[in-house]
Amino acid sequence: MELTKNITLGVYLPGETVIHRLDPRTKIVIASLLIFLLLMIKSYPAYGMILLFLTAVIFISGIPIRYALCGLKPMLPVLILMWFFQLFLYSSPDAHVIFSWWIFTATDAGMHMGNLISLRVFFLFGATTILTLTTSMVGLTDGMESLLNPLRKIGLPTQELVMTMVIALRFVLILAEELDKIVKAQMARGVAFDRGNFIQKTKKLFPVFLPLFINAFKRAEELIVAMESRSYTGGKGRTKMKTLHMGRVDLIAGLIMLIFSAIVILIIFTIQPQI
């Protein structure tokens, strides 16, 4: 039971492709614009364009598609639950009933809403995963700091904010490794997590999550002590060993993204929304 094999968010795959060589700021801006488009999309053709775009990026970056999709496995139960909630709870005045049982009524509008929301979450996860797979933590940190640097003029501690986000992202993989160790330790003691009904399986999780939270707080405390022992004072007066520079490739990537965004926005405003 290797839980860490299904964790791709926060993992970096080194490479020499065009996507890897892009300036981190370019990739962050493109990912942010893609997320903004996903929040606006309400039709299947627009999602089809997003699928083609992400597939092309994965192909160019040399990331194995199977590896990129394996991180979706832990999210599948949540996506399925979201889909069922929308199927039975969402409705509209002109919705048609598909079937009804007891207090549950499934409509075509609820099915469309469930499909579109599930696709939105799926593509949001895909966009952020591709960003972290092709950008190192150092590059991601430097890029976000550079983009948020103008906000320092109004007193926003951008360096500390970015550091917090990067540490939280890094802790995803660390906690997954801790969870994997705890689960294996419990299984070695005879705990069968795949046996019993729902209530019995839930009870078996308490001996797993309790030490997981304890270890998480312990690691956070160790990190605080390490930073204090090194006299960490935030971003004031800190310099960079490497300075970020945008090149011709970044301009071409930005232009491609602008053209793609214009096409998607045209689809959004010309095609009747499905919900």
C-alpha atoms as a PDB file:
ATOM      1  CA  MET A   1       0.000   0.000   0.000  1.00  0.00           C
ATOM      2  CA  GLU A   2       2.140   2.858  -1.300  1.00  0.00           C
ATOM      3  CA  LEU A   3       0.205   6.032  -0.621  1.00  0.00           C
ATOM      4  CA  THR A   4       3.032   8.282  -1.785  1.00  0.00           C
ATOM      5  CA  LYS A   5       2.810   6.843  -5.312  1.00  0.00           C
ATOM      6  CA  ASN A   6      -0.539   8.583  -5.738  1.00  0.00           C
ATOM      7  CA  ILE A   7       0.727  11.971  -4.568  1.00  0.00           C
ATOM      8  CA  THR A   8       1.865  14.172  -7.452  1.00  0.00           C
ATOM      9  CA  LEU A   9       0.963  17.638  -6.128  1.00  0.00           C
ATOM     10  CA  GLY A  10       4.182  19.262  -4.919  1.00  0.00           C
ATOM     11  CA  VAL A  11       6.460  16.757  -6.670  1.00  0.00           C
ATOM     12  CA  TYR A  12       9.027  18.081  -9.163  1.00  0.00           C
ATOM     13  CA  LEU A  13      10.199  16.055 -12.167  1.00  0.00           C
ATOM     14  CA  PRO A  14      13.447  17.543 -13.530  1.00  0.00           C
ATOM     15  CA  GLY A  15      13.647  17.930 -17.283  1.00  0.00           C
ATOM     16  CA  GLU A  16      15.111  19.937 -20.156  1.00  0.00           C
ATOM     17  CA  THR A  17      11.918  20.515 -22.134  1.00  0.00           C
ATOM     18  CA  VAL A  18      10.570  23.883 -23.252  1.00  0.00           C
ATOM     19  CA  ILE A  19       8.008  23.826 -20.438  1.00  0.00           C
ATOM     20  CA  HIS A  20      10.708  23.212 -17.827  1.00  0.00           C
ATOM     21  CA  ARG A  21      12.861  26.055 -19.189  1.00  0.00           C
ATOM     22  CA  LEU A  22      10.082  28.624 -19.035  1.00  0.00           C
ATOM     23  CA  ASP A  23      10.439  31.358 -16.452  1.00  0.00           C
ATOM     24  CA  PRO A  24       8.546  30.380 -13.260  1.00  0.00           C
ATOM     25  CA  ARG A  25       6.609  33.644 -13.434  1.00  0.00           C
ATOM     26  CA  THR A  26       5.401  32.778 -16.932  1.00  0.00           C
ATOM     27  CA  LYS A  27       4.150  29.379 -15.795  1.00  0.00           C
ATOM     28  CA  ILE A  28       2.467  30.827 -12.692  1.00  0.00           C
ATOM     29  CA  VAL A  29       0.666  33.497 -14.738  1.00  0.00           C
ATOM     30  CA  ILE A  30      -0.438  30.946 -17.362  1.00  0.00           C
ATOM     31  CA  ALA A  31      -1.690  28.566 -14.657  1.00  0.00           C
ATOM     32  CA  SER A  32      -3.539  31.422 -12.912  1.00  0.00           C
ATOM     33  CA  LEU A  33      -5.168  32.500 -16.180  1.00  0.00           C
ATOM     34  CA  LEU A  34      -6.151  28.896 -16.873  1.00  0.00           C
ATOM     35  CA  ILE A  35      -7.733  28.615 -13.423  1.00  0.00           C
ATOM     36  CA  PHE A  36      -9.650  31.860 -14.067  1.00  0.00           C
ATOM     37  CA  LEU A  37     -10.984  30.432 -17.338  1.00  0.00           C
ATOM     38  CA  LEU A  38     -12.028  27.215 -15.589  1.00  0.00           C
ATOM     39  CA  LEU A  39     -14.086  29.204 -13.091  1.00  0.00           C
ATOM     40  CA  MET A  40     -15.968  30.829 -15.985  1.00  0.00           C
ATOM     41  CA  ILE A  41     -16.589  27.735 -18.119  1.00  0.00           C
ATOM     42  CA  LYS A  42     -20.096  26.265 -18.150  1.00  0.00           C
ATOM     43  CA  SER A  43     -20.119  24.300 -21.400  1.00  0.00           C
ATOM     44  CA  TYR A  44     -18.609  21.025 -22.586  1.00  0.00           C
ATOM     45  CA  PRO A  45     -16.912  22.402 -25.749  1.00  0.00           C
ATOM     46  CA  ALA A  46     -14.886  24.822 -23.619  1.00  0.00           C
ATOM     47  CA  TYR A  47     -13.820  21.964 -21.345  1.00  0.00           C
ATOM     48  CA  GLY A  48     -12.801  20.081 -24.484  1.00  0.00           C
ATOM     49  CA  MET A  49     -10.465  22.955 -25.385  1.00  0.00           C
ATOM     50  CA  ILE A  50      -8.956  22.864 -21.884  1.00  0.00           C
ATOM     51  CA  LEU A  51      -8.433  19.107 -22.238  1.00  0.00           C
ATOM     52  CA  LEU A  52      -6.588  19.568 -25.535  1.00  0.00           C
ATOM     53  CA  PHE A  53      -4.444  22.343 -24.060  1.00  0.00           C
ATOM     54  CA  LEU A  54      -3.429  20.371 -20.949  1.00  0.00           C
ATOM     55  CA  THR A  55      -2.786  17.235 -23.013  1.00  0.00           C
ATOM     56  CA  ALA A  56      -0.487  19.215 -25.306  1.00  0.00           C
ATOM     57  CA  VAL A  57       1.376  20.683 -22.327  1.00  0.00           C
ATOM     58  CA  ILE A  58       1.838  17.229 -20.773  1.00  0.00           C
ATOM     59  CA  PHE A  59       3.117  15.863 -24.095  1.00  0.00           C
ATOM     60  CA  ILE A  60       5.572  18.746 -24.601  1.00  0.00           C
ATOM     61  CA  SER A  61       6.836  18.574 -20.999  1.00  0.00           C
ATOM     62  CA  GLY A  62       7.544  14.850 -21.303  1.00  0.00           C
ATOM     63  CA  ILE A  63       5.500  13.950 -18.212  1.00  0.00           C
ATOM     64  CA  PRO A  64       4.085  10.392 -18.359  1.00  0.00           C
ATOM     65  CA  ILE A  65       0.309  10.728 -18.626  1.00  0.00           C
ATOM     66  CA  ARG A  66      -0.190   7.764 -16.293  1.00  0.00           C
ATOM     67  CA  TYR A  67       1.942   9.453 -13.638  1.00  0.00           C
ATOM     68  CA  ALA A  68       0.130  12.770 -14.086  1.00  0.00           C
ATOM     69  CA  LEU A  69      -3.248  11.055 -13.628  1.00  0.00           C
ATOM     70  CA  CYS A  70      -2.282   8.807 -10.709  1.00  0.00           C
ATOM     71  CA  GLY A  71      -2.569  11.771  -8.344  1.00  0.00           C
ATOM     72  CA  LEU A  72      -6.278  11.844  -9.130  1.00  0.00           C
ATOM     73  CA  LYS A  73      -6.904   8.498  -7.434  1.00  0.00           C
ATOM     74  CA  PRO A  74      -7.192   9.911  -3.878  1.00  0.00           C
ATOM     75  CA  MET A  75      -9.652  12.513  -5.221  1.00  0.00           C
ATOM     76  CA  LEU A  76     -11.979  10.062  -6.984  1.00  0.00           C
ATOM     77  CA  PRO A  77     -14.204   9.372  -3.927  1.00  0.00           C
ATOM     78  CA  VAL A  78     -14.623  13.127  -3.398  1.00  0.00           C
ATOM     79  CA  LEU A  79     -15.436  13.709  -7.079  1.00  0.00           C
ATOM     80  CA  ILE A  80     -17.976  10.886  -7.092  1.00  0.00           C
ATOM     81  CA  LEU A  81     -19.584  12.204  -3.897  1.00  0.00           C
ATOM     82  CA  MET A  82     -19.756  15.722  -5.372  1.00  0.00           C
ATOM     83  CA  TRP A  83     -21.367  14.337  -8.530  1.00  0.00           C
ATOM     84  CA  PHE A  84     -24.072  12.500  -6.572  1.00  0.00           C
ATOM     85  CA  PHE A  85     -24.777  15.549  -4.411  1.00  0.00           C
ATOM     86  CA  GLN A  86     -25.329  17.692  -7.504  1.00  0.00           C
ATOM     87  CA  LEU A  87     -27.382  14.963  -9.192  1.00  0.00           C
ATOM     88  CA  PHE A  88     -29.923  14.786  -6.389  1.00  0.00           C
ATOM     89  CA  LEU A  89     -29.798  18.279  -4.862  1.00  0.00           C
ATOM     90  CA  TYR A  90     -29.489  20.634  -7.839  1.00  0.00           C
ATOM     91  CA  SER A  91     -32.564  21.479  -9.834  1.00  0.00           C
ATOM     92  CA  SER A  92     -34.007  24.200 -12.048  1.00  0.00           C
ATOM     93  CA  PRO A  93     -37.565  25.188 -13.046  1.00  0.00           C
ATOM     94  CA  ASP A  94     -37.305  23.563 -16.506  1.00  0.00           C
ATOM     95  CA  ALA A  95     -35.410  20.475 -15.343  1.00  0.00           C
ATOM     96  CA  HIS A  96     -36.630  17.027 -16.365  1.00  0.00           C
ATOM     97  CA  VAL A  97     -36.802  14.234 -13.805  1.00  0.00           C
ATOM     98  CA  ILE A  98     -34.658  11.231 -14.703  1.00  0.00           C
ATOM     99  CA  PHE A  99     -35.821   9.032 -11.846  1.00  0.00           C
ATOM    100  CA  SER A 100     -37.157   9.415  -8.333  1.00  0.00           C
ATOM    101  CA  TRP A 101     -36.741   7.185  -5.300  1.00  0.00           C
ATOM    102  CA  TRP A 102     -37.971   7.950  -1.777  1.00  0.00           C
ATOM    103  CA  ILE A 103     -36.830  11.529  -1.031  1.00  0.00           C
ATOM    104  CA  PHE A 104     -34.230  11.558  -3.823  1.00  0.00           C
ATOM    105  CA  THR A 105     -34.982  13.023  -7.236  1.00  0.00           C
ATOM    106  CA  ALA A 106     -32.417  13.026 -10.017  1.00  0.00           C
ATOM    107  CA  THR A 107     -32.809  15.607 -12.787  1.00  0.00           C
ATOM    108  CA  ASP A 108     -30.983  16.263 -16.055  1.00  0.00           C
ATOM    109  CA  ALA A 109     -29.958  19.697 -14.740  1.00  0.00           C
ATOM    110  CA  GLY A 110     -28.404  18.063 -11.679  1.00  0.00           C
ATOM    111  CA  MET A 111     -26.525  15.609 -13.900  1.00  0.00           C
ATOM    112  CA  HIS A 112     -25.158  18.440 -16.053  1.00  0.00           C
ATOM    113  CA  MET A 113     -24.118  20.402 -12.962  1.00  0.00           C
ATOM    114  CA  GLY A 114     -22.427  17.349 -11.459  1.00  0.00           C
ATOM    115  CA  ASN A 115     -20.564  16.678 -14.702  1.00  0.00           C
ATOM    116  CA  LEU A 116     -19.363  20.248 -15.088  1.00  0.00           C
ATOM    117  CA  ILE A 117     -18.284  20.700 -11.470  1.00  0.00           C
ATOM    118  CA  SER A 118     -16.429  17.382 -11.505  1.00  0.00           C
ATOM    119  CA  LEU A 119     -14.666  18.404 -14.724  1.00  0.00           C
ATOM    120  CA  ARG A 120     -13.784  21.773 -13.207  1.00  0.00           C
ATOM    121  CA  VAL A 121     -12.177  20.185 -10.145  1.00  0.00           C
ATOM    122  CA  PHE A 122     -10.395  17.639 -12.356  1.00  0.00           C
ATOM    123  CA  PHE A 123      -8.863  20.303 -14.609  1.00  0.00           C
ATOM    124  CA  LEU A 124      -8.004  22.590 -11.673  1.00  0.00           C
ATOM    125  CA  PHE A 125      -6.076  19.722 -10.158  1.00  0.00           C
ATOM    126  CA  GLY A 126      -4.435  18.985 -13.515  1.00  0.00           C
ATOM    127  CA  ALA A 127      -3.294  22.577 -14.035  1.00  0.00           C
ATOM    128  CA  THR A 128      -1.749  22.897 -10.559  1.00  0.00           C
ATOM    129  CA  THR A 129      -0.150  19.454 -10.808  1.00  0.00           C
ATOM    130  CA  ILE A 130       1.523  20.254 -14.139  1.00  0.00           C
ATOM    131  CA  LEU A 131       2.816  23.508 -12.633  1.00  0.00           C
ATOM    132  CA  THR A 132       4.486  21.752  -9.704  1.00  0.00           C
ATOM    133  CA  LEU A 133       5.759  18.841 -11.812  1.00  0.00           C
ATOM    134  CA  THR A 134       7.620  21.208 -14.144  1.00  0.00           C
ATOM    135  CA  THR A 135       8.735  23.853 -11.627  1.00  0.00           C
ATOM    136  CA  SER A 136      11.120  23.336  -8.728  1.00  0.00           C
ATOM    137  CA  MET A 137      10.226  24.589  -5.270  1.00  0.00           C
ATOM    138  CA  VAL A 138      12.968  27.212  -5.464  1.00  0.00           C
ATOM    139  CA  GLY A 139      11.709  28.422  -8.832  1.00  0.00           C
ATOM    140  CA  LEU A 140       8.100  28.410  -7.656  1.00  0.00           C
ATOM    141  CA  THR A 141       9.044  30.419  -4.572  1.00  0.00           C
ATOM    142  CA  ASP A 142      11.123  32.960  -6.507  1.00  0.00           C
ATOM    143  CA  GLY A 143       8.409  33.349  -9.135  1.00  0.00           C
ATOM    144  CA  MET A 144       5.618  33.984  -6.652  1.00  0.00           C
ATOM    145  CA  GLU A 145       7.783  36.395  -4.660  1.00  0.00           C
ATOM    146  CA  SER A 146       8.611  38.348  -7.815  1.00  0.00           C
ATOM    147  CA  LEU A 147       4.964  38.547  -8.895  1.00  0.00           C
ATOM    148  CA  LEU A 148       3.785  39.617  -5.431  1.00  0.00           C
ATOM    149  CA  ASN A 149       6.698  41.980  -4.826  1.00  0.00           C
ATOM    150  CA  PRO A 150       4.696  45.159  -5.745  1.00  0.00           C
ATOM    151  CA  LEU A 151       2.355  44.396  -2.829  1.00  0.00           C
ATOM    152  CA  ARG A 152       5.211  44.947  -0.386  1.00  0.00           C
ATOM    153  CA  LYS A 153       4.729  48.676  -0.924  1.00  0.00           C
ATOM    154  CA  ILE A 154       1.370  48.482   0.861  1.00  0.00           C
ATOM    155  CA  GLY A 155       2.839  46.517   3.761  1.00  0.00           C
ATOM    156  CA  LEU A 156       1.924  42.978   2.695  1.00  0.00           C
ATOM    157  CA  PRO A 157       4.607  40.481   3.848  1.00  0.00           C
ATOM    158  CA  THR A 158       4.839  38.741   0.486  1.00  0.00           C
ATOM    159  CA  GLN A 159       7.989  36.733   1.257  1.00  0.00           C
ATOM    160  CA  GLU A 160       6.493  35.264   4.425  1.00  0.00           C
ATOM    161  CA  LEU A 161       3.192  34.587   2.635  1.00  0.00           C
ATOM    162  CA  VAL A 162       4.922  32.746  -0.211  1.00  0.00           C
ATOM    163  CA  MET A 163       7.087  30.782   2.203  1.00  0.00           C
ATOM    164  CA  THR A 164       3.968  29.660   4.091  1.00  0.00           C
ATOM    165  CA  MET A 165       2.274  28.483   0.890  1.00  0.00           C
ATOM    166  CA  VAL A 166       5.360  26.597  -0.293  1.00  0.00           C
ATOM    167  CA  ILE A 167       5.826  24.916   3.107  1.00  0.00           C
ATOM    168  CA  ALA A 168       2.156  23.887   3.108  1.00  0.00           C
ATOM    169  CA  LEU A 169       2.579  22.438  -0.390  1.00  0.00           C
ATOM    170  CA  ARG A 170       5.698  20.586   0.667  1.00  0.00           C
ATOM    171  CA  PHE A 171       3.957  19.195   3.747  1.00  0.00           C
ATOM    172  CA  VAL A 172       1.464  17.384   1.495  1.00  0.00           C
ATOM    173  CA  LEU A 173       4.123  14.890   0.438  1.00  0.00           C
ATOM    174  CA  ILE A 174       5.697  14.738   3.911  1.00  0.00           C
ATOM    175  CA  LEU A 175       2.367  13.934   5.581  1.00  0.00           C
ATOM    176  CA  ALA A 176       1.608  11.370   2.862  1.00  0.00           C
ATOM    177  CA  GLU A 177       4.864   9.596   3.702  1.00  0.00           C
ATOM    178  CA  GLU A 178       4.021   9.711   7.412  1.00  0.00           C
ATOM    179  CA  LEU A 179       0.547   8.318   6.704  1.00  0.00           C
ATOM    180  CA  ASP A 180       2.044   5.510   4.633  1.00  0.00           C
ATOM    181  CA  LYS A 181       4.400   4.546   7.485  1.00  0.00           C
ATOM    182  CA  ILE A 182       1.611   4.594  10.076  1.00  0.00           C
ATOM    183  CA  VAL A 183      -0.733   2.509   7.912  1.00  0.00           C
ATOM    184  CA  LYS A 184       1.984  -0.075   7.285  1.00  0.00           C
ATOM    185  CA  ALA A 185       2.749  -0.204  11.018  1.00  0.00           C
ATOM    186  CA  GLN A 186      -0.938  -0.778  11.809  1.00  0.00           C
ATOM    187  CA  MET A 187      -1.233  -3.471   9.131  1.00  0.00           C
ATOM    188  CA  ALA A 188       1.848  -5.214  10.573  1.00  0.00           C
ATOM    189  CA  ARG A 189      -0.019  -5.348  13.882  1.00  0.00           C
ATOM    190  CA  GLY A 190      -2.942  -7.137  12.247  1.00  0.00           C
ATOM    191  CA  VAL A 191      -5.269  -4.237  11.418  1.00  0.00           C
ATOM    192  CA  ALA A 192      -7.289  -4.968   8.252  1.00  0.00           C
ATOM    193  CA  PHE A 193      -8.515  -1.655   6.852  1.00  0.00           C
ATOM    194  CA  ASP A 194     -10.484  -3.328   4.049  1.00  0.00           C
ATOM    195  CA  ARG A 195     -12.696  -5.439   6.310  1.00  0.00           C
ATOM    196  CA  GLY A 196     -15.910  -4.600   8.114  1.00  0.00           C
ATOM    197  CA  ASN A 197     -18.735  -2.181   7.449  1.00  0.00           C
ATOM    198  CA  PHE A 198     -18.456   1.594   7.094  1.00  0.00           C
ATOM    199  CA  ILE A 199     -18.577   2.281  10.852  1.00  0.00           C
ATOM    200  CA  GLN A 200     -15.963  -0.379  11.599  1.00  0.00           C
ATOM    201  CA  LYS A 201     -13.645   0.948   8.894  1.00  0.00           C
ATOM    202  CA  THR A 202     -14.068   4.479  10.254  1.00  0.00           C
ATOM    203  CA  LYS A 203     -13.111   3.377  13.762  1.00  0.00           C
ATOM    204  CA  LYS A 204      -9.925   1.810  12.423  1.00  0.00           C
ATOM    205  CA  LEU A 205      -8.823   5.198  11.090  1.00  0.00           C
ATOM    206  CA  PHE A 206      -8.592   6.846  14.528  1.00  0.00           C
ATOM    207  CA  PRO A 207      -5.317   5.068  15.446  1.00  0.00           C
ATOM    208  CA  VAL A 208      -3.971   6.347  12.102  1.00  0.00           C
ATOM    209  CA  PHE A 209      -4.938  10.008  12.151  1.00  0.00           C
ATOM    210  CA  LEU A 210      -4.068  10.642  15.801  1.00  0.00           C
ATOM    211  CA  PRO A 211      -0.318   9.916  15.419  1.00  0.00           C
ATOM    212  CA  LEU A 212      -0.427  11.644  12.017  1.00  0.00           C
ATOM    213  CA  PHE A 213      -1.569  14.917  13.596  1.00  0.00           C
ATOM    214  CA  ILE A 214       0.926  14.528  16.432  1.00  0.00           C
ATOM    215  CA  ASN A 215       3.778  14.011  13.954  1.00  0.00           C
ATOM    216  CA  ALA A 216       2.583  16.987  11.893  1.00  0.00           C
ATOM    217  CA  PHE A 217       2.702  19.319  14.903  1.00  0.00           C
ATOM    218  CA  LYS A 218       6.079  17.859  15.889  1.00  0.00           C
ATOM    219  CA  ARG A 219       7.533  18.528  12.442  1.00  0.00           C
ATOM    220  CA  ALA A 220       6.113  22.061  12.467  1.00  0.00           C
ATOM    221  CA  GLU A 221       7.724  22.719  15.838  1.00  0.00           C
ATOM    222  CA  GLU A 222      11.072  21.366  14.607  1.00  0.00           C
ATOM    223  CA  LEU A 223      10.852  23.663  11.589  1.00  0.00           C
ATOM    224  CA  ILE A 224      10.170  26.675  13.821  1.00  0.00           C
ATOM    225  CA  VAL A 225      13.125  25.862  16.065  1.00  0.00           C
ATOM    226  CA  ALA A 226      15.397  25.401  13.026  1.00  0.00           C
ATOM    227  CA  MET A 227      14.351  28.770  11.571  1.00  0.00           C
ATOM    228  CA  GLU A 228      14.782  30.566  14.889  1.00  0.00           C
ATOM    229  CA  SER A 229      18.220  29.007  15.461  1.00  0.00           C
ATOM    230  CA  ARG A 230      19.282  30.420  12.081  1.00  0.00           C
ATOM    231  CA  SER A 231      17.967  33.893  13.025  1.00  0.00           C
ATOM    232  CA  TYR A 232      15.348  33.912  10.305  1.00  0.00           C
ATOM    233  CA  THR A 233      13.704  37.343  10.167  1.00  0.00           C
ATOM    234  CA  GLY A 234      11.587  37.141   7.027  1.00  0.00           C
ATOM    235  CA  GLY A 235      12.229  38.683   3.641  1.00  0.00           C
ATOM    236  CA  LYS A 236      13.761  41.954   4.796  1.00  0.00           C
ATOM    237  CA  GLY A 237      17.246  42.411   3.322  1.00  0.00           C
ATOM    238  CA  ARG A 238      17.310  38.989   1.653  1.00  0.00           C
ATOM    239  CA  THR A 239      18.940  38.639  -1.770  1.00  0.00           C
ATOM    240  CA  LYS A 240      18.705  36.033  -4.533  1.00  0.00           C
ATOM    241  CA  MET A 241      21.512  33.838  -5.794  1.00  0.00           C
ATOM    242  CA  LYS A 242      19.818  33.627  -9.216  1.00  0.00           C
ATOM    243  CA  THR A 243      17.895  36.438 -10.882  1.00  0.00           C
ATOM    244  CA  LEU A 244      14.874  35.535 -12.986  1.00  0.00           C
ATOM    245  CA  HIS A 245      14.924  36.616 -16.631  1.00  0.00           C
ATOM    246  CA  MET A 246      12.179  36.271 -19.228  1.00  0.00           C
ATOM    247  CA  GLY A 247      13.255  35.367 -22.739  1.00  0.00           C
ATOM    248  CA  ARG A 248      11.798  34.939 -26.178  1.00  0.00           C
ATOM    249  CA  VAL A 249      10.295  31.572 -25.307  1.00  0.00           C
ATOM    250  CA  ASP A 250       8.337  33.161 -22.453  1.00  0.00           C
ATOM    251  CA  LEU A 251       6.924  35.804 -24.801  1.00  0.00           C
ATOM    252  CA  ILE A 252       5.866  33.114 -27.294  1.00  0.00           C
ATOM    253  CA  ALA A 253       4.248  31.062 -24.501  1.00  0.00           C
ATOM    254  CA  GLY A 254       2.399  34.131 -23.260  1.00  0.00           C
ATOM    255  CA  LEU A 255       1.164  34.920 -26.767  1.00  0.00           C
ATOM    256  CA  ILE A 256      -0.051  31.344 -27.258  1.00  0.00           C
ATOM    257  CA  MET A 257      -1.898  31.514 -23.935  1.00  0.00           C
ATOM    258  CA  LEU A 258      -3.543  34.824 -24.897  1.00  0.00           C
ATOM    259  CA  ILE A 259      -4.752  33.368 -28.206  1.00  0.00           C
ATOM    260  CA  PHE A 260      -6.020  30.237 -26.470  1.00  0.00           C
ATOM    261  CA  SER A 261      -7.803  32.333 -23.809  1.00  0.00           C
ATOM    262  CA  ALA A 262      -9.478  34.413 -26.521  1.00  0.00           C
ATOM    263  CA  ILE A 263     -10.755  31.238 -28.211  1.00  0.00           C
ATOM    264  CA  VAL A 264     -12.091  29.839 -24.931  1.00  0.00           C
ATOM    265  CA  ILE A 265     -13.779  33.146 -24.025  1.00  0.00           C
ATOM    266  CA  LEU A 266     -15.338  33.228 -27.514  1.00  0.00           C
ATOM    267  CA  ILE A 267     -16.722  29.732 -26.917  1.00  0.00           C
ATOM    268  CA  ILE A 268     -18.013  30.766 -23.476  1.00  0.00           C
ATOM    269  CA  PHE A 269     -19.982  33.735 -24.830  1.00  0.00           C
ATOM    270  CA  THR A 270     -21.208  32.214 -28.089  1.00  0.00           C
ATOM    271  CA  ILE A 271     -22.268  28.718 -27.040  1.00  0.00           C
ATOM    272  CA  GLN A 272     -25.348  28.374 -24.858  1.00  0.00           C
ATOM    273  CA  PRO A 273     -24.285  27.229 -21.346  1.00  0.00           C
ATOM    274  CA  GLN A 274     -25.293  23.702 -20.441  1.00  0.00           C
ATOM    275  CA  ILE A 275     -26.629  24.728 -16.993  1.00  0.00           C
END
